[in-house]
N, C-alpha and C. Protein backbone atom coordinates (compact mmCIF):
# COMPACT_ATOMS: atom_id res chain seq x y z
N MET A 1 59.55 59.37 33.90
CA MET A 1 58.91 58.11 33.94
C MET A 1 58.08 57.95 35.34
N ARG A 2 56.83 57.54 35.28
CA ARG A 2 56.12 57.32 36.52
C ARG A 2 56.45 56.00 37.08
N ILE A 3 56.74 55.98 38.40
CA ILE A 3 57.13 54.86 39.06
C ILE A 3 56.42 54.53 40.39
N VAL A 4 56.01 53.19 40.59
CA VAL A 4 55.44 52.89 41.88
C VAL A 4 56.48 52.03 42.56
N PHE A 5 56.88 52.64 43.74
CA PHE A 5 58.15 52.04 44.48
C PHE A 5 57.67 51.22 45.62
N PHE A 6 58.30 49.94 45.69
CA PHE A 6 58.04 48.91 46.77
C PHE A 6 59.46 48.82 47.44
N GLY A 7 59.50 49.05 48.79
CA GLY A 7 60.64 48.71 49.49
C GLY A 7 60.54 49.17 50.92
N SER A 8 61.43 48.58 51.84
CA SER A 8 61.39 48.90 53.27
C SER A 8 62.70 49.13 53.91
N PRO A 9 63.76 48.49 53.48
CA PRO A 9 65.10 48.48 54.25
C PRO A 9 65.81 49.82 53.91
N THR A 10 66.82 50.03 54.57
CA THR A 10 67.78 51.29 54.30
C THR A 10 68.22 51.26 52.94
N GLU A 11 68.65 50.19 52.29
CA GLU A 11 69.12 50.27 51.04
C GLU A 11 67.95 50.75 49.99
N ALA A 12 66.68 50.32 50.26
CA ALA A 12 65.52 50.74 49.38
C ALA A 12 65.42 52.29 49.54
N ALA A 13 65.63 52.91 50.78
CA ALA A 13 65.49 54.25 50.95
C ALA A 13 66.59 55.04 50.09
N ALA A 14 67.82 54.46 50.06
CA ALA A 14 68.74 55.11 49.20
C ALA A 14 68.37 55.07 47.75
N SER A 15 67.88 54.04 47.34
CA SER A 15 67.41 53.86 45.85
C SER A 15 66.34 54.86 45.58
N LEU A 16 65.34 54.98 46.43
CA LEU A 16 64.23 55.90 46.35
C LEU A 16 64.74 57.33 46.21
N GLU A 17 65.69 57.69 47.12
CA GLU A 17 66.37 59.00 47.10
C GLU A 17 67.01 59.16 45.70
N SER A 18 67.68 58.23 45.22
CA SER A 18 68.35 58.39 43.84
C SER A 18 67.27 58.57 42.64
N LEU A 19 66.25 57.87 42.77
CA LEU A 19 65.16 58.06 41.76
C LEU A 19 64.57 59.39 41.77
N ILE A 20 64.33 59.95 43.00
CA ILE A 20 63.81 61.33 43.11
C ILE A 20 64.75 62.32 42.59
N ALA A 21 66.09 62.12 42.98
CA ALA A 21 67.15 63.05 42.45
C ALA A 21 67.24 63.00 40.99
N ALA A 22 67.04 61.89 40.38
CA ALA A 22 67.08 61.83 38.90
C ALA A 22 65.82 62.37 38.28
N GLY A 23 64.88 62.82 38.86
CA GLY A 23 63.75 63.53 38.41
C GLY A 23 62.54 62.62 38.06
N HIS A 24 62.67 61.35 38.50
CA HIS A 24 61.42 60.48 38.18
C HIS A 24 60.22 60.89 38.88
N ASP A 25 59.03 60.61 38.39
CA ASP A 25 57.85 60.91 39.01
C ASP A 25 57.38 59.64 39.88
N ILE A 26 57.41 59.81 41.17
CA ILE A 26 57.05 58.65 42.06
C ILE A 26 55.54 58.82 42.32
N ALA A 27 54.82 57.86 41.74
CA ALA A 27 53.29 57.84 41.77
C ALA A 27 52.91 57.34 43.15
N ALA A 28 53.59 56.34 43.72
CA ALA A 28 53.11 55.69 45.01
C ALA A 28 54.29 54.99 45.57
N ILE A 29 54.36 54.95 46.88
CA ILE A 29 55.37 54.18 47.69
C ILE A 29 54.66 53.27 48.57
N TYR A 30 55.05 51.97 48.53
CA TYR A 30 54.58 50.90 49.38
C TYR A 30 55.67 50.35 50.17
N SER A 31 55.38 50.24 51.56
CA SER A 31 56.42 49.74 52.50
C SER A 31 55.82 48.79 53.53
N GLN A 32 56.55 48.06 54.27
CA GLN A 32 56.01 47.29 55.37
C GLN A 32 55.40 48.10 56.38
N PRO A 33 54.36 47.54 57.13
CA PRO A 33 53.83 48.32 58.21
C PRO A 33 54.83 48.60 59.34
N ASP A 34 54.46 49.62 60.06
CA ASP A 34 55.35 49.89 61.35
C ASP A 34 55.41 48.67 62.19
N ARG A 35 56.59 48.43 62.83
CA ARG A 35 56.74 47.31 63.66
C ARG A 35 57.21 47.74 65.13
N ASN A 36 56.80 46.94 66.17
CA ASN A 36 57.30 47.19 67.48
C ASN A 36 58.78 46.79 67.56
N SER A 37 59.52 47.78 68.13
CA SER A 37 60.96 47.45 68.41
C SER A 37 61.49 48.10 69.68
N GLY A 38 62.56 47.57 70.10
CA GLY A 38 63.19 48.19 71.28
C GLY A 38 62.52 47.67 72.53
N ARG A 39 63.08 48.11 73.67
CA ARG A 39 62.58 47.60 74.94
C ARG A 39 61.19 48.04 75.29
N GLY A 40 60.85 49.20 74.85
CA GLY A 40 59.57 49.78 75.11
C GLY A 40 58.47 49.20 74.15
N ARG A 41 58.96 48.47 73.06
CA ARG A 41 58.12 47.98 72.10
C ARG A 41 57.32 49.04 71.40
N ASN A 42 57.98 50.17 71.09
CA ASN A 42 57.37 51.28 70.43
C ASN A 42 57.32 51.01 68.99
N LYS A 43 56.33 51.63 68.29
CA LYS A 43 56.21 51.45 66.82
C LYS A 43 57.30 52.26 66.17
N THR A 44 57.98 51.52 65.31
CA THR A 44 59.08 52.21 64.53
C THR A 44 58.74 52.12 62.99
N ALA A 45 58.88 53.19 62.32
CA ALA A 45 58.67 53.24 60.83
C ALA A 45 59.85 52.62 60.15
N THR A 46 59.56 52.15 58.97
CA THR A 46 60.60 51.58 58.05
C THR A 46 61.44 52.81 57.58
N PRO A 47 62.75 52.55 57.12
CA PRO A 47 63.54 53.62 56.68
C PRO A 47 62.87 54.25 55.40
N VAL A 48 62.18 53.58 54.58
CA VAL A 48 61.63 54.17 53.39
C VAL A 48 60.37 55.07 53.83
N LYS A 49 59.59 54.70 54.68
CA LYS A 49 58.50 55.47 55.23
C LYS A 49 59.07 56.72 55.94
N ALA A 50 60.13 56.62 56.80
CA ALA A 50 60.71 57.70 57.35
C ALA A 50 61.17 58.69 56.32
N PHE A 51 61.83 58.28 55.31
CA PHE A 51 62.30 59.15 54.28
C PHE A 51 61.12 59.79 53.41
N ALA A 52 60.04 59.04 53.10
CA ALA A 52 59.00 59.52 52.28
C ALA A 52 58.23 60.58 53.06
N LEU A 53 58.21 60.54 54.33
CA LEU A 53 57.34 61.47 55.07
C LEU A 53 58.25 62.71 55.31
């Protein structure tokens, strides 16, 4: 099955991992943009983006 995946949090990354492990064809992945976080206000990727890359 071809799937377009939408998600950003850690739970969504686990779901994406399960879909890939089940052999589904992931056609595209959409996630929130990187955000500034921490004291240095460095850009941080969402868990889904980090997993996908």
